[in-house]
Amino acid sequence: MEQPLFTKVLSPVDTTHRLTIPMANLGDFELPPGQHAINIEATDSTQQQWTFRLSIRRNNNPNPRPVFTGQWIRFVREKGLRAGDRIVFSRQQIEGDGVQFRIRAERRIFNYWVNVQ
């Protein structure tokens, strides 16, 4: 069963540089102790795989500010995303101990959020 992790309305910086992840969701990702970055594989609604680099500030900064980089800007461009659109990031348990991450892009049309393919 799919478990939503976070939903975020995109800011201008999210669509041009990097996606800032809500701090409350940092614990949803297994960042090994002492490391400041890991790769996250996520599948979109068209079953395309994306590799996002989740990183935090170094040197025990009190505000780690988690962000996605890597293929994030390519994802934004290929989906035609802009500020005001949103993403829904979730995870799903798969056989064994595996976890699969999913990402869905949405755009508000009138009062409804619709998938962006």
PDB file of N, CA and C in Angstrom:
ATOM      1  N   MET A   1       0.845  -1.181   0.000  1.00  0.00           N
ATOM      2  CA  MET A   1       0.000   0.000   0.000  1.00  0.00           C
ATOM      3  C   MET A   1       0.891   1.245   0.000  1.00  0.00           C
ATOM      4  N   GLU A   2       0.498   2.225  -0.783  1.00  0.00           N
ATOM      5  CA  GLU A   2       1.282   3.450  -0.903  1.00  0.00           C
ATOM      6  C   GLU A   2       1.041   4.356   0.302  1.00  0.00           C
ATOM      7  N   GLN A   3       2.124   4.887   0.861  1.00  0.00           N
ATOM      8  CA  GLN A   3       2.053   5.763   2.029  1.00  0.00           C
ATOM      9  C   GLN A   3       2.563   7.145   1.634  1.00  0.00           C
ATOM     10  N   PRO A   4       1.685   8.163   1.614  1.00  0.00           N
ATOM     11  CA  PRO A   4       2.150   9.514   1.280  1.00  0.00           C
ATOM     12  C   PRO A   4       3.162  10.010   2.318  1.00  0.00           C
ATOM     13  N   LEU A   5       4.255  10.606   1.849  1.00  0.00           N
ATOM     14  CA  LEU A   5       5.255  11.177   2.754  1.00  0.00           C
ATOM     15  C   LEU A   5       5.087  12.688   2.858  1.00  0.00           C
ATOM     16  N   PHE A   6       5.034  13.359   1.702  1.00  0.00           N
ATOM     17  CA  PHE A   6       4.788  14.797   1.732  1.00  0.00           C
ATOM     18  C   PHE A   6       4.209  15.272   0.409  1.00  0.00           C
ATOM     19  N   THR A   7       3.490  16.378   0.508  1.00  0.00           N
ATOM     20  CA  THR A   7       2.956  17.088  -0.651  1.00  0.00           C
ATOM     21  C   THR A   7       3.507  18.488  -0.562  1.00  0.00           C
ATOM     22  N   LYS A   8       3.988  19.029  -1.681  1.00  0.00           N
ATOM     23  CA  LYS A   8       4.575  20.362  -1.638  1.00  0.00           C
ATOM     24  C   LYS A   8       4.180  21.155  -2.878  1.00  0.00           C
ATOM     25  N   VAL A   9       3.671  22.360  -2.646  1.00  0.00           N
ATOM     26  CA  VAL A   9       3.425  23.301  -3.735  1.00  0.00           C
ATOM     27  C   VAL A   9       4.775  23.919  -4.072  1.00  0.00           C
ATOM     28  N   LEU A  10       5.125  23.896  -5.345  1.00  0.00           N
ATOM     29  CA  LEU A  10       6.459  24.319  -5.771  1.00  0.00           C
ATOM     30  C   LEU A  10       6.624  25.834  -5.761  1.00  0.00           C
ATOM     31  N   SER A  11       7.761  26.267  -5.244  1.00  0.00           N
ATOM     32  CA  SER A  11       8.145  27.676  -5.248  1.00  0.00           C
ATOM     33  C   SER A  11       8.986  27.947  -6.495  1.00  0.00           C
ATOM     34  N   PRO A  12       9.263  29.219  -6.810  1.00  0.00           N
ATOM     35  CA  PRO A  12      10.149  29.498  -7.949  1.00  0.00           C
ATOM     36  C   PRO A  12      11.525  28.830  -7.805  1.00  0.00           C
ATOM     37  N   VAL A  13      12.104  28.823  -6.611  1.00  0.00           N
ATOM     38  CA  VAL A  13      13.416  28.181  -6.405  1.00  0.00           C
ATOM     39  C   VAL A  13      13.318  26.675  -6.626  1.00  0.00           C
ATOM     40  N   ASP A  14      12.195  26.063  -6.213  1.00  0.00           N
ATOM     41  CA  ASP A  14      11.999  24.628  -6.418  1.00  0.00           C
ATOM     42  C   ASP A  14      12.015  24.270  -7.900  1.00  0.00           C
ATOM     43  N   THR A  15      11.592  25.176  -8.756  1.00  0.00           N
ATOM     44  CA  THR A  15      11.506  24.868 -10.187  1.00  0.00           C
ATOM     45  C   THR A  15      12.745  25.289 -10.974  1.00  0.00           C
ATOM     46  N   THR A  16      13.670  26.012 -10.337  1.00  0.00           N
ATOM     47  CA  THR A  16      14.856  26.473 -11.069  1.00  0.00           C
ATOM     48  C   THR A  16      16.172  25.956 -10.516  1.00  0.00           C
ATOM     49  N   HIS A  17      16.206  25.526  -9.244  1.00  0.00           N
ATOM     50  CA  HIS A  17      17.483  25.120  -8.644  1.00  0.00           C
ATOM     51  C   HIS A  17      17.440  23.763  -7.948  1.00  0.00           C
ATOM     52  N   ARG A  18      16.562  23.616  -6.983  1.00  0.00           N
ATOM     53  CA  ARG A  18      16.501  22.395  -6.168  1.00  0.00           C
ATOM     54  C   ARG A  18      15.160  22.372  -5.453  1.00  0.00           C
ATOM     55  N   LEU A  19      14.751  21.190  -5.032  1.00  0.00           N
ATOM     56  CA  LEU A  19      13.509  21.042  -4.275  1.00  0.00           C
ATOM     57  C   LEU A  19      13.847  20.969  -2.798  1.00  0.00           C
ATOM     58  N   THR A  20      13.340  21.897  -2.035  1.00  0.00           N
ATOM     59  CA  THR A  20      13.526  21.857  -0.585  1.00  0.00           C
ATOM     60  C   THR A  20      12.489  20.901   0.000  1.00  0.00           C
ATOM     61  N   ILE A  21      12.963  19.946   0.771  1.00  0.00           N
ATOM     62  CA  ILE A  21      12.119  18.930   1.391  1.00  0.00           C
ATOM     63  C   ILE A  21      11.696  19.431   2.773  1.00  0.00           C
ATOM     64  N   PRO A  22      10.435  19.199   3.165  1.00  0.00           N
ATOM     65  CA  PRO A  22      10.041  19.580   4.527  1.00  0.00           C
ATOM     66  C   PRO A  22      10.941  18.889   5.565  1.00  0.00           C
ATOM     67  N   MET A  23      11.447  19.650   6.506  1.00  0.00           N
ATOM     68  CA  MET A  23      12.357  19.132   7.527  1.00  0.00           C
ATOM     69  C   MET A  23      11.741  17.949   8.277  1.00  0.00           C
ATOM     70  N   ALA A  24      10.450  17.990   8.493  1.00  0.00           N
ATOM     71  CA  ALA A  24       9.770  16.913   9.216  1.00  0.00           C
ATOM     72  C   ALA A  24       9.875  15.580   8.482  1.00  0.00           C
ATOM     73  N   ASN A  25      10.185  15.597   7.187  1.00  0.00           N
ATOM     74  CA  ASN A  25      10.258  14.371   6.405  1.00  0.00           C
ATOM     75  C   ASN A  25      11.666  13.820   6.238  1.00  0.00           C
ATOM     76  N   LEU A  26      12.663  14.479   6.787  1.00  0.00           N
ATOM     77  CA  LEU A  26      14.032  13.987   6.656  1.00  0.00           C
ATOM     78  C   LEU A  26      14.155  12.567   7.202  1.00  0.00           C
ATOM     79  N   GLY A  27      13.461  12.273   8.289  1.00  0.00           N
ATOM     80  CA  GLY A  27      13.509  10.950   8.904  1.00  0.00           C
ATOM     81  C   GLY A  27      12.885   9.848   8.054  1.00  0.00           C
ATOM     82  N   ASP A  28      12.139  10.209   7.010  1.00  0.00           N
ATOM     83  CA  ASP A  28      11.538   9.213   6.124  1.00  0.00           C
ATOM     84  C   ASP A  28      12.567   8.571   5.192  1.00  0.00           C
ATOM     85  N   PHE A  29      13.755   9.144   5.149  1.00  0.00           N
ATOM     86  CA  PHE A  29      14.822   8.646   4.290  1.00  0.00           C
ATOM     87  C   PHE A  29      15.959   8.149   5.172  1.00  0.00           C
ATOM     88  N   GLU A  30      16.566   7.053   4.792  1.00  0.00           N
ATOM     89  CA  GLU A  30      17.621   6.451   5.606  1.00  0.00           C
ATOM     90  C   GLU A  30      18.972   7.045   5.250  1.00  0.00           C
ATOM     91  N   LEU A  31      19.258   8.179   5.839  1.00  0.00           N
ATOM     92  CA  LEU A  31      20.545   8.838   5.642  1.00  0.00           C
ATOM     93  C   LEU A  31      21.512   8.249   6.677  1.00  0.00           C
ATOM     94  N   PRO A  32      22.523   7.494   6.229  1.00  0.00           N
ATOM     95  CA  PRO A  32      23.445   6.860   7.180  1.00  0.00           C
ATOM     96  C   PRO A  32      24.136   7.901   8.079  1.00  0.00           C
ATOM     97  N   PRO A  33      24.377   7.534   9.333  1.00  0.00           N
ATOM     98  CA  PRO A  33      25.051   8.459  10.242  1.00  0.00           C
ATOM     99  C   PRO A  33      26.387   8.929   9.665  1.00  0.00           C
ATOM    100  N   GLY A  34      26.636  10.213   9.771  1.00  0.00           N
ATOM    101  CA  GLY A  34      27.887  10.778   9.291  1.00  0.00           C
ATOM    102  C   GLY A  34      27.879  11.143   7.816  1.00  0.00           C
ATOM    103  N   GLN A  35      26.853  10.746   7.077  1.00  0.00           N
ATOM    104  CA  GLN A  35      26.782  11.099   5.655  1.00  0.00           C
ATOM    105  C   GLN A  35      25.855  12.288   5.460  1.00  0.00           C
ATOM    106  N   HIS A  36      26.138  13.068   4.435  1.00  0.00           N
ATOM    107  CA  HIS A  36      25.307  14.245   4.178  1.00  0.00           C
ATOM    108  C   HIS A  36      24.504  14.134   2.891  1.00  0.00           C
ATOM    109  N   ALA A  37      24.632  13.010   2.142  1.00  0.00           N
ATOM    110  CA  ALA A  37      23.895  12.871   0.890  1.00  0.00           C
ATOM    111  C   ALA A  37      23.715  11.399   0.515  1.00  0.00           C
ATOM    112  N   ILE A  38      22.565  11.106  -0.105  1.00  0.00           N
ATOM    113  CA  ILE A  38      22.289   9.775  -0.654  1.00  0.00           C
ATOM    114  C   ILE A  38      21.473   9.955  -1.936  1.00  0.00           C
ATOM    115  N   ASN A  39      21.476   8.916  -2.772  1.00  0.00           N
ATOM    116  CA  ASN A  39      20.629   8.923  -3.961  1.00  0.00           C
ATOM    117  C   ASN A  39      19.301   8.257  -3.636  1.00  0.00           C
ATOM    118  N   ILE A  40      18.225   8.859  -4.113  1.00  0.00           N
ATOM    119  CA  ILE A  40      16.875   8.335  -3.939  1.00  0.00           C
ATOM    120  C   ILE A  40      16.328   8.019  -5.326  1.00  0.00           C
ATOM    121  N   GLU A  41      15.921   6.780  -5.540  1.00  0.00           N
ATOM    122  CA  GLU A  41      15.291   6.382  -6.805  1.00  0.00           C
ATOM    123  C   GLU A  41      13.780   6.518  -6.628  1.00  0.00           C
ATOM    124  N   ALA A  42      13.130   7.215  -7.563  1.00  0.00           N
ATOM    125  CA  ALA A  42      11.678   7.383  -7.495  1.00  0.00           C
ATOM    126  C   ALA A  42      11.084   7.120  -8.877  1.00  0.00           C
ATOM    127  N   THR A  43       9.881   6.567  -8.886  1.00  0.00           N
ATOM    128  CA  THR A  43       9.167   6.262 -10.119  1.00  0.00           C
ATOM    129  C   THR A  43       7.999   7.229 -10.247  1.00  0.00           C
ATOM    130  N   ASP A  44       7.825   7.795 -11.459  1.00  0.00           N
ATOM    131  CA  ASP A  44       6.715   8.732 -11.652  1.00  0.00           C
ATOM    132  C   ASP A  44       5.471   7.996 -12.152  1.00  0.00           C
ATOM    133  N   SER A  45       4.423   8.739 -12.476  1.00  0.00           N
ATOM    134  CA  SER A  45       3.152   8.135 -12.876  1.00  0.00           C
ATOM    135  C   SER A  45       3.211   7.467 -14.243  1.00  0.00           C
ATOM    136  N   THR A  46       4.288   7.706 -15.023  1.00  0.00           N
ATOM    137  CA  THR A  46       4.453   7.029 -16.315  1.00  0.00           C
ATOM    138  C   THR A  46       5.432   5.859 -16.208  1.00  0.00           C
ATOM    139  N   GLN A  47       5.808   5.519 -14.984  1.00  0.00           N
ATOM    140  CA  GLN A  47       6.746   4.433 -14.667  1.00  0.00           C
ATOM    141  C   GLN A  47       8.194   4.756 -15.034  1.00  0.00           C
ATOM    142  N   GLN A  48       8.496   6.032 -15.257  1.00  0.00           N
ATOM    143  CA  GLN A  48       9.882   6.438 -15.520  1.00  0.00           C
ATOM    144  C   GLN A  48      10.619   6.564 -14.191  1.00  0.00           C
ATOM    145  N   GLN A  49      11.860   6.086 -14.174  1.00  0.00           N
ATOM    146  CA  GLN A  49      12.706   6.158 -12.977  1.00  0.00           C
ATOM    147  C   GLN A  49      13.478   7.464 -12.961  1.00  0.00           C
ATOM    148  N   TRP A  50      13.572   8.068 -11.779  1.00  0.00           N
ATOM    149  CA  TRP A  50      14.336   9.302 -11.579  1.00  0.00           C
ATOM    150  C   TRP A  50      15.273   9.092 -10.403  1.00  0.00           C
ATOM    151  N   THR A  51      16.476   9.663 -10.497  1.00  0.00           N
ATOM    152  CA  THR A  51      17.428   9.600  -9.387  1.00  0.00           C
ATOM    153  C   THR A  51      17.600  11.008  -8.841  1.00  0.00           C
ATOM    154  N   PHE A  52      17.144  11.188  -7.611  1.00  0.00           N
ATOM    155  CA  PHE A  52      17.290  12.470  -6.930  1.00  0.00           C
ATOM    156  C   PHE A  52      18.377  12.330  -5.877  1.00  0.00           C
ATOM    157  N   ARG A  53      19.154  13.360  -5.702  1.00  0.00           N
ATOM    158  CA  ARG A  53      20.200  13.374  -4.680  1.00  0.00           C
ATOM    159  C   ARG A  53      19.644  14.120  -3.483  1.00  0.00           C
ATOM    160  N   LEU A  54      19.439  13.413  -2.392  1.00  0.00           N
ATOM    161  CA  LEU A  54      18.986  14.033  -1.151  1.00  0.00           C
ATOM    162  C   LEU A  54      20.214  14.429  -0.365  1.00  0.00           C
ATOM    163  N   SER A  55      20.340  15.700  -0.053  1.00  0.00           N
ATOM    164  CA  SER A  55      21.506  16.136   0.720  1.00  0.00           C
ATOM    165  C   SER A  55      21.080  17.125   1.796  1.00  0.00           C
ATOM    166  N   ILE A  56      21.920  17.201   2.811  1.00  0.00           N
ATOM    167  CA  ILE A  56      21.721  18.155   3.906  1.00  0.00           C
ATOM    168  C   ILE A  56      23.014  18.932   4.093  1.00  0.00           C
ATOM    169  N   ARG A  57      22.911  20.040   4.795  1.00  0.00           N
ATOM    170  CA  ARG A  57      24.115  20.832   5.075  1.00  0.00           C
ATOM    171  C   ARG A  57      25.064  20.035   5.950  1.00  0.00           C
ATOM    172  N   ARG A  58      26.336  20.283   5.768  1.00  0.00           N
ATOM    173  CA  ARG A  58      27.367  19.571   6.533  1.00  0.00           C
ATOM    174  C   ARG A  58      27.665  20.249   7.856  1.00  0.00           C
ATOM    175  N   ASN A  59      28.595  19.656   8.572  1.00  0.00           N
ATOM    176  CA  ASN A  59      29.166  20.225   9.803  1.00  0.00           C
ATOM    177  C   ASN A  59      28.145  20.423  10.915  1.00  0.00           C
ATOM    178  N   ASN A  60      27.242  19.456  11.070  1.00  0.00           N
ATOM    179  CA  ASN A  60      26.269  19.492  12.171  1.00  0.00           C
ATOM    180  C   ASN A  60      25.506  20.816  12.247  1.00  0.00           C
ATOM    181  N   ASN A  61      25.195  21.382  11.117  1.00  0.00           N
ATOM    182  CA  ASN A  61      24.421  22.613  11.067  1.00  0.00           C
ATOM    183  C   ASN A  61      23.088  22.374  11.771  1.00  0.00           C
ATOM    184  N   PRO A  62      22.648  23.282  12.650  1.00  0.00           N
ATOM    185  CA  PRO A  62      21.391  23.073  13.378  1.00  0.00           C
ATOM    186  C   PRO A  62      20.171  23.083  12.448  1.00  0.00           C
ATOM    187  N   ASN A  63      20.318  23.633  11.238  1.00  0.00           N
ATOM    188  CA  ASN A  63      19.237  23.624  10.254  1.00  0.00           C
ATOM    189  C   ASN A  63      19.728  22.861   9.020  1.00  0.00           C
ATOM    190  N   PRO A  64      19.561  21.518   8.990  1.00  0.00           N
ATOM    191  CA  PRO A  64      20.145  20.731   7.907  1.00  0.00           C
ATOM    192  C   PRO A  64      19.578  21.036   6.514  1.00  0.00           C
ATOM    193  N   ARG A  65      18.357  21.550   6.423  1.00  0.00           N
ATOM    194  CA  ARG A  65      17.726  21.956   5.160  1.00  0.00           C
ATOM    195  C   ARG A  65      17.872  20.899   4.064  1.00  0.00           C
ATOM    196  N   PRO A  66      17.107  19.814   4.147  1.00  0.00           N
ATOM    197  CA  PRO A  66      17.204  18.763   3.135  1.00  0.00           C
ATOM    198  C   PRO A  66      16.695  19.239   1.769  1.00  0.00           C
ATOM    199  N   VAL A  67      17.424  18.859   0.721  1.00  0.00           N
ATOM    200  CA  VAL A  67      17.053  19.247  -0.645  1.00  0.00           C
ATOM    201  C   VAL A  67      17.254  18.078  -1.602  1.00  0.00           C
ATOM    202  N   PHE A  68      16.472  18.090  -2.691  1.00  0.00           N
ATOM    203  CA  PHE A  68      16.673  17.171  -3.814  1.00  0.00           C
ATOM    204  C   PHE A  68      17.384  17.931  -4.916  1.00  0.00           C
ATOM    205  N   THR A  69      18.441  17.317  -5.450  1.00  0.00           N
ATOM    206  CA  THR A  69      19.107  17.825  -6.650  1.00  0.00           C
ATOM    207  C   THR A  69      19.183  16.623  -7.601  1.00  0.00           C
ATOM    208  N   GLY A  70      20.295  16.383  -8.238  1.00  0.00           N
ATOM    209  CA  GLY A  70      20.401  15.258  -9.161  1.00  0.00           C
ATOM    210  C   GLY A  70      19.531  15.508 -10.376  1.00  0.00           C
ATOM    211  N   GLN A  71      18.603  14.615 -10.661  1.00  0.00           N
ATOM    212  CA  GLN A  71      17.738  14.745 -11.831  1.00  0.00           C
ATOM    213  C   GLN A  71      16.500  15.611 -11.568  1.00  0.00           C
ATOM    214  N   TRP A  72      16.479  16.310 -10.442  1.00  0.00           N
ATOM    215  CA  TRP A  72      15.307  17.103 -10.099  1.00  0.00           C
ATOM    216  C   TRP A  72      14.952  18.125 -11.182  1.00  0.00           C
ATOM    217  N   ILE A  73      15.912  18.940 -11.630  1.00  0.00           N
ATOM    218  CA  ILE A  73      15.616  19.982 -12.622  1.00  0.00           C
ATOM    219  C   ILE A  73      15.196  19.342 -13.950  1.00  0.00           C
ATOM    220  N   ARG A  74      15.790  18.230 -14.305  1.00  0.00           N
ATOM    221  CA  ARG A  74      15.362  17.516 -15.520  1.00  0.00           C
ATOM    222  C   ARG A  74      13.903  17.068 -15.380  1.00  0.00           C
ATOM    223  N   PHE A  75      13.529  16.560 -14.208  1.00  0.00           N
ATOM    224  CA  PHE A  75      12.143  16.161 -13.931  1.00  0.00           C
ATOM    225  C   PHE A  75      11.220  17.362 -14.123  1.00  0.00           C
ATOM    226  N   VAL A  76      11.582  18.509 -13.543  1.00  0.00           N
ATOM    227  CA  VAL A  76      10.778  19.728 -13.659  1.00  0.00           C
ATOM    228  C   VAL A  76      10.593  20.104 -15.127  1.00  0.00           C
ATOM    229  N   ARG A  77      11.677  20.092 -15.886  1.00  0.00           N
ATOM    230  CA  ARG A  77      11.611  20.491 -17.305  1.00  0.00           C
ATOM    231  C   ARG A  77      10.788  19.513 -18.133  1.00  0.00           C
ATOM    232  N   GLU A  78      11.011  18.225 -17.931  1.00  0.00           N
ATOM    233  CA  GLU A  78      10.278  17.236 -18.726  1.00  0.00           C
ATOM    234  C   GLU A  78       8.783  17.242 -18.425  1.00  0.00           C
ATOM    235  N   LYS A  79       8.415  17.564 -17.209  1.00  0.00           N
ATOM    236  CA  LYS A  79       7.002  17.626 -16.835  1.00  0.00           C
ATOM    237  C   LYS A  79       6.408  19.005 -17.123  1.00  0.00           C
ATOM    238  N   GLY A  80       7.264  19.988 -17.428  1.00  0.00           N
ATOM    239  CA  GLY A  80       6.772  21.349 -17.672  1.00  0.00           C
ATOM    240  C   GLY A  80       6.242  22.016 -16.419  1.00  0.00           C
ATOM    241  N   LEU A  81       6.850  21.703 -15.272  1.00  0.00           N
ATOM    242  CA  LEU A  81       6.364  22.237 -13.998  1.00  0.00           C
ATOM    243  C   LEU A  81       6.745  23.692 -13.819  1.00  0.00           C
ATOM    244  N   ARG A  82       5.937  24.378 -13.052  1.00  0.00           N
ATOM    245  CA  ARG A  82       6.176  25.786 -12.747  1.00  0.00           C
ATOM    246  C   ARG A  82       5.735  26.059 -11.310  1.00  0.00           C
ATOM    247  N   ALA A  83       6.129  27.208 -10.796  1.00  0.00           N
ATOM    248  CA  ALA A  83       5.740  27.583  -9.437  1.00  0.00           C
ATOM    249  C   ALA A  83       4.217  27.526  -9.330  1.00  0.00           C
ATOM    250  N   GLY A  84       3.725  26.958  -8.224  1.00  0.00           N
ATOM    251  CA  GLY A  84       2.288  26.798  -8.022  1.00  0.00           C
ATOM    252  C   GLY A  84       1.809  25.383  -8.294  1.00  0.00           C
ATOM    253  N   ASP A  85       2.554  24.626  -9.117  1.00  0.00           N
ATOM    254  CA  ASP A  85       2.242  23.204  -9.287  1.00  0.00           C
ATOM    255  C   ASP A  85       2.661  22.504  -8.005  1.00  0.00           C
ATOM    256  N   ARG A  86       2.343  21.240  -7.879  1.00  0.00           N
ATOM    257  CA  ARG A  86       2.757  20.531  -6.667  1.00  0.00           C
ATOM    258  C   ARG A  86       3.227  19.128  -6.997  1.00  0.00           C
ATOM    259  N   ILE A  87       3.969  18.579  -6.054  1.00  0.00           N
ATOM    260  CA  ILE A  87       4.377  17.187  -6.156  1.00  0.00           C
ATOM    261  C   ILE A  87       3.864  16.439  -4.928  1.00  0.00           C
ATOM    262  N   VAL A  88       3.613  15.166  -5.134  1.00  0.00           N
ATOM    263  CA  VAL A  88       3.224  14.264  -4.057  1.00  0.00           C
ATOM    264  C   VAL A  88       4.284  13.173  -4.046  1.00  0.00           C
ATOM    265  N   PHE A  89       4.976  13.031  -2.931  1.00  0.00           N
ATOM    266  CA  PHE A  89       6.043  12.042  -2.799  1.00  0.00           C
ATOM    267  C   PHE A  89       5.570  10.985  -1.811  1.00  0.00           C
ATOM    268  N   SER A  90       5.687   9.713  -2.195  1.00  0.00           N
ATOM    269  CA  SER A  90       5.209   8.634  -1.338  1.00  0.00           C
ATOM    270  C   SER A  90       6.167   7.449  -1.406  1.00  0.00           C
ATOM    271  N   ARG A  91       5.904   6.476  -0.554  1.00  0.00           N
ATOM    272  CA  ARG A  91       6.696   5.248  -0.584  1.00  0.00           C
ATOM    273  C   ARG A  91       5.763   4.053  -0.460  1.00  0.00           C
ATOM    274  N   GLN A  92       6.280   2.934  -0.930  1.00  0.00           N
ATOM    275  CA  GLN A  92       5.507   1.706  -0.936  1.00  0.00           C
ATOM    276  C   GLN A  92       6.428   0.563  -0.549  1.00  0.00           C
ATOM    277  N   GLN A  93       5.975  -0.268   0.375  1.00  0.00           N
ATOM    278  CA  GLN A  93       6.742  -1.462   0.745  1.00  0.00           C
ATOM    279  C   GLN A  93       6.648  -2.461  -0.398  1.00  0.00           C
ATOM    280  N   ILE A  94       7.770  -3.063  -0.742  1.00  0.00           N
ATOM    281  CA  ILE A  94       7.765  -4.120  -1.735  1.00  0.00           C
ATOM    282  C   ILE A  94       8.267  -5.392  -1.075  1.00  0.00           C
ATOM    283  N   GLU A  95       8.197  -6.498  -1.776  1.00  0.00           N
ATOM    284  CA  GLU A  95       8.577  -7.790  -1.195  1.00  0.00           C
ATOM    285  C   GLU A  95       9.892  -7.709  -0.438  1.00  0.00           C
ATOM    286  N   GLY A  96       9.935  -8.405   0.668  1.00  0.00           N
ATOM    287  CA  GLY A  96      11.132  -8.377   1.510  1.00  0.00           C
ATOM    288  C   GLY A  96      11.187  -7.083   2.298  1.00  0.00           C
ATOM    289  N   ASP A  97      12.373  -6.518   2.408  1.00  0.00           N
ATOM    290  CA  ASP A  97      12.553  -5.277   3.159  1.00  0.00           C
ATOM    291  C   ASP A  97      12.614  -4.061   2.256  1.00  0.00           C
ATOM    292  N   GLY A  98      12.273  -4.214   0.999  1.00  0.00           N
ATOM    293  CA  GLY A  98      12.434  -3.130   0.039  1.00  0.00           C
ATOM    294  C   GLY A  98      11.399  -2.032   0.156  1.00  0.00           C
ATOM    295  N   VAL A  99      11.805  -0.857  -0.266  1.00  0.00           N
ATOM    296  CA  VAL A  99      10.936   0.312  -0.309  1.00  0.00           C
ATOM    297  C   VAL A  99      11.056   0.915  -1.698  1.00  0.00           C
ATOM    298  N   GLN A 100       9.926   1.271  -2.278  1.00  0.00           N
ATOM    299  CA  GLN A 100       9.921   1.944  -3.569  1.00  0.00           C
ATOM    300  C   GLN A 100       9.327   3.334  -3.362  1.00  0.00           C
ATOM    301  N   PHE A 101      10.046   4.356  -3.847  1.00  0.00           N
ATOM    302  CA  PHE A 101       9.545   5.721  -3.754  1.00  0.00           C
ATOM    303  C   PHE A 101       8.809   6.071  -5.036  1.00  0.00           C
ATOM    304  N   ARG A 102       7.757   6.872  -4.899  1.00  0.00           N
ATOM    305  CA  ARG A 102       6.957   7.322  -6.029  1.00  0.00           C
ATOM    306  C   ARG A 102       6.848   8.838  -5.976  1.00  0.00           C
ATOM    307  N   ILE A 103       6.812   9.463  -7.161  1.00  0.00           N
ATOM    308  CA  ILE A 103       6.637  10.910  -7.236  1.00  0.00           C
ATOM    309  C   ILE A 103       5.557  11.198  -8.279  1.00  0.00           C
ATOM    310  N   ARG A 104       4.652  12.081  -7.913  1.00  0.00           N
ATOM    311  CA  ARG A 104       3.572  12.468  -8.815  1.00  0.00           C
ATOM    312  C   ARG A 104       3.542  13.987  -8.910  1.00  0.00           C
ATOM    313  N   ALA A 105       3.483  14.498 -10.128  1.00  0.00           N
ATOM    314  CA  ALA A 105       3.390  15.936 -10.361  1.00  0.00           C
ATOM    315  C   ALA A 105       1.937  16.280 -10.648  1.00  0.00           C
ATOM    316  N   GLU A 106       1.475  17.395 -10.085  1.00  0.00           N
ATOM    317  CA  GLU A 106       0.090  17.811 -10.268  1.00  0.00           C
ATOM    318  C   GLU A 106       0.008  19.310 -10.552  1.00  0.00           C
ATOM    319  N   ARG A 107      -1.029  19.668 -11.294  1.00  0.00           N
ATOM    320  CA  ARG A 107      -1.286  21.080 -11.603  1.00  0.00           C
ATOM    321  C   ARG A 107      -2.740  21.379 -11.240  1.00  0.00           C
ATOM    322  N   ARG A 108      -2.941  22.550 -10.692  1.00  0.00           N
ATOM    323  CA  ARG A 108      -4.293  22.948 -10.307  1.00  0.00           C
ATOM    324  C   ARG A 108      -5.004  23.528 -11.528  1.00  0.00           C
ATOM    325  N   ILE A 109      -6.122  22.921 -11.860  1.00  0.00           N
ATOM    326  CA  ILE A 109      -6.967  23.423 -12.941  1.00  0.00           C
ATOM    327  C   ILE A 109      -8.335  23.676 -12.319  1.00  0.00           C
ATOM    328  N   PHE A 110      -8.712  24.946 -12.299  1.00  0.00           N
ATOM    329  CA  PHE A 110      -9.876  25.413 -11.557  1.00  0.00           C
ATOM    330  C   PHE A 110      -9.669  25.015 -10.105  1.00  0.00           C
ATOM    331  N   ASN A 111     -10.510  24.200  -9.524  1.00  0.00           N
ATOM    332  CA  ASN A 111     -10.311  23.823  -8.110  1.00  0.00           C
ATOM    333  C   ASN A 111      -9.872  22.380  -7.946  1.00  0.00           C
ATOM    334  N   TYR A 112      -9.332  21.774  -8.996  1.00  0.00           N
ATOM    335  CA  TYR A 112      -8.937  20.373  -8.954  1.00  0.00           C
ATOM    336  C   TYR A 112      -7.460  20.216  -9.268  1.00  0.00           C
ATOM    337  N   TRP A 113      -6.809  19.277  -8.562  1.00  0.00           N
ATOM    338  CA  TRP A 113      -5.417  18.929  -8.866  1.00  0.00           C
ATOM    339  C   TRP A 113      -5.456  17.751  -9.823  1.00  0.00           C
ATOM    340  N   VAL A 114      -4.790  17.925 -10.982  1.00  0.00           N
ATOM    341  CA  VAL A 114      -4.751  16.854 -11.985  1.00  0.00           C
ATOM    342  C   VAL A 114      -3.313  16.440 -12.231  1.00  0.00           C
ATOM    343  N   ASN A 115      -3.108  15.164 -12.557  1.00  0.00           N
ATOM    344  CA  ASN A 115      -1.756  14.651 -12.818  1.00  0.00           C
ATOM    345  C   ASN A 115      -1.143  15.297 -14.034  1.00  0.00           C
ATOM    346  N   VAL A 116       0.158  15.574 -13.940  1.00  0.00           N
ATOM    347  CA  VAL A 116       0.945  16.047 -15.069  1.00  0.00           C
ATOM    348  C   VAL A 116       1.752  14.846 -15.531  1.00  0.00           C
ATOM    349  N   GLN A 117       1.562  14.435 -16.759  1.00  0.00           N
ATOM    350  CA  GLN A 117       2.269  13.271 -17.276  1.00  0.00           C
ATOM    351  C   GLN A 117       3.606  13.691 -17.783  1.00  0.00           C
TER     352      GLN A 117
END
